[in-house]
Amino acid sequence: MPITSKQRAQLRGLAMSEDTIVQVGKGGISENVIASVDAALQARELVKGRVLETCEYSPQEVLDALCEACRAEPVQVIGTKFVLFRRNHADPKIELVKSKKK
């Protein structure tokens, strides 16, 4: 289920205090990067990453590829940093705001 704009805003606020735990460099989006992002999403639900200058891809391209590979939701891209989110249904860590029904 896609996240709403209010939930995205909440996740952007939470990401401000998070450390950057994934770096994508000249190796690009390798199996190791995908595996580490997948493991981090399982443990944390919210992952903040950075694209180094040596990478041939833009931060938006990296975010889109990682979201597709890890079945995650994109949260934001600012400069060289990106944030993605995937709900851990077995053990949720982040309680998202509920969307109002009309």
Protein backbone atom coordinates (compact mmCIF):
# COMPACT_ATOMS: atom_id res chain seq x y z
CA MET A 1 0.00 0.00 0.00
CA PRO A 2 1.53 3.35 -0.99
CA ILE A 3 2.20 5.90 1.72
CA THR A 4 0.26 9.16 1.82
CA SER A 5 1.77 12.65 1.71
CA LYS A 6 1.19 13.09 5.47
CA GLN A 7 2.97 9.81 6.17
CA ARG A 8 5.78 10.83 3.80
CA ALA A 9 6.14 14.12 5.72
CA GLN A 10 6.28 12.20 8.99
CA LEU A 11 8.98 9.89 7.61
CA ARG A 12 11.01 12.87 6.30
CA GLY A 13 10.99 14.32 9.81
CA LEU A 14 12.12 11.03 11.32
CA ALA A 15 14.88 10.68 8.70
CA MET A 16 16.45 13.99 9.72
CA SER A 17 17.84 12.44 12.91
CA GLU A 18 18.87 9.15 11.25
CA ASP A 19 22.46 8.40 10.30
CA THR A 20 23.42 7.65 6.71
CA ILE A 21 23.97 3.89 6.69
CA VAL A 22 24.20 3.10 2.95
CA GLN A 23 26.68 4.58 0.49
CA VAL A 24 26.56 3.89 -3.23
CA GLY A 25 29.84 4.57 -5.03
CA LYS A 26 31.57 3.60 -8.25
CA GLY A 27 30.47 -0.02 -7.85
CA GLY A 28 26.90 1.12 -8.42
CA ILE A 29 23.91 -0.85 -7.26
CA SER A 30 25.47 -4.25 -6.63
CA GLU A 31 23.99 -7.33 -4.99
CA ASN A 32 25.86 -6.39 -1.79
CA VAL A 33 24.25 -2.94 -1.69
CA ILE A 34 20.80 -4.44 -2.28
CA ALA A 35 21.37 -7.06 0.44
CA SER A 36 22.55 -4.47 2.97
CA VAL A 37 19.61 -2.16 2.21
CA ASP A 38 17.20 -5.09 2.50
CA ALA A 39 18.66 -6.11 5.88
CA ALA A 40 18.58 -2.51 7.13
CA LEU A 41 14.95 -2.11 6.04
CA GLN A 42 14.06 -5.31 7.89
CA ALA A 43 15.72 -4.04 11.07
CA ARG A 44 14.89 -0.31 10.93
CA GLU A 45 12.10 0.25 8.36
CA LEU A 46 13.60 3.66 7.45
CA VAL A 47 16.95 3.80 5.65
CA LYS A 48 18.97 6.87 4.73
CA GLY A 49 21.63 6.58 2.05
CA ARG A 50 24.07 8.67 0.08
CA VAL A 51 25.31 8.57 -3.50
CA LEU A 52 29.02 9.32 -3.81
CA GLU A 53 30.45 11.50 -6.59
CA THR A 54 32.12 8.45 -8.15
CA CYS A 55 28.75 6.79 -8.84
CA GLU A 56 27.53 6.87 -12.42
CA TYR A 57 23.87 7.09 -11.36
CA SER A 58 21.91 10.05 -10.01
CA PRO A 59 20.44 9.83 -6.49
CA GLN A 60 16.92 9.54 -7.96
CA GLU A 61 17.97 6.62 -10.18
CA VAL A 62 19.59 4.87 -7.20
CA LEU A 63 16.49 5.40 -5.07
CA ASP A 64 14.17 4.07 -7.78
CA ALA A 65 16.34 0.99 -8.37
CA LEU A 66 16.66 0.18 -4.66
CA CYS A 67 12.93 0.66 -4.09
CA GLU A 68 12.16 -1.76 -6.90
CA ALA A 69 14.76 -4.32 -5.78
CA CYS A 70 13.76 -4.19 -2.09
CA ARG A 71 10.00 -3.58 -2.53
CA ALA A 72 10.27 -0.32 -0.58
CA GLU A 73 8.59 3.08 -0.81
CA PRO A 74 10.60 6.17 -1.79
CA VAL A 75 10.45 8.95 0.79
CA GLN A 76 12.73 11.70 -0.51
CA VAL A 77 15.85 12.74 -2.39
CA ILE A 78 17.77 15.83 -1.33
CA GLY A 79 21.08 16.52 -3.02
CA THR A 80 23.09 13.31 -2.83
CA LYS A 81 21.03 11.78 0.00
CA PHE A 82 17.96 9.59 -0.29
CA VAL A 83 15.51 7.94 2.10
CA LEU A 84 13.39 4.83 1.64
CA PHE A 85 10.84 3.05 3.80
CA ARG A 86 9.42 -0.46 4.04
CA ARG A 87 6.95 -1.55 6.70
CA ASN A 88 8.02 -4.56 8.79
CA HIS A 89 4.67 -6.28 9.27
CA ALA A 90 5.99 -8.80 11.79
CA ASP A 91 7.61 -6.24 14.12
CA PRO A 92 6.71 -2.62 13.21
CA LYS A 93 9.10 0.01 14.58
CA ILE A 94 7.46 3.17 13.18
CA GLU A 95 3.81 4.02 13.77
CA LEU A 96 2.57 5.97 10.74
CA VAL A 97 -0.19 8.56 11.03
CA LYS A 98 -3.54 7.28 9.85
CA SER A 99 -5.02 8.68 6.68
CA LYS A 100 -8.45 10.30 7.15
CA LYS A 101 -11.29 8.78 5.23
CA LYS A 102 -13.83 11.08 3.60
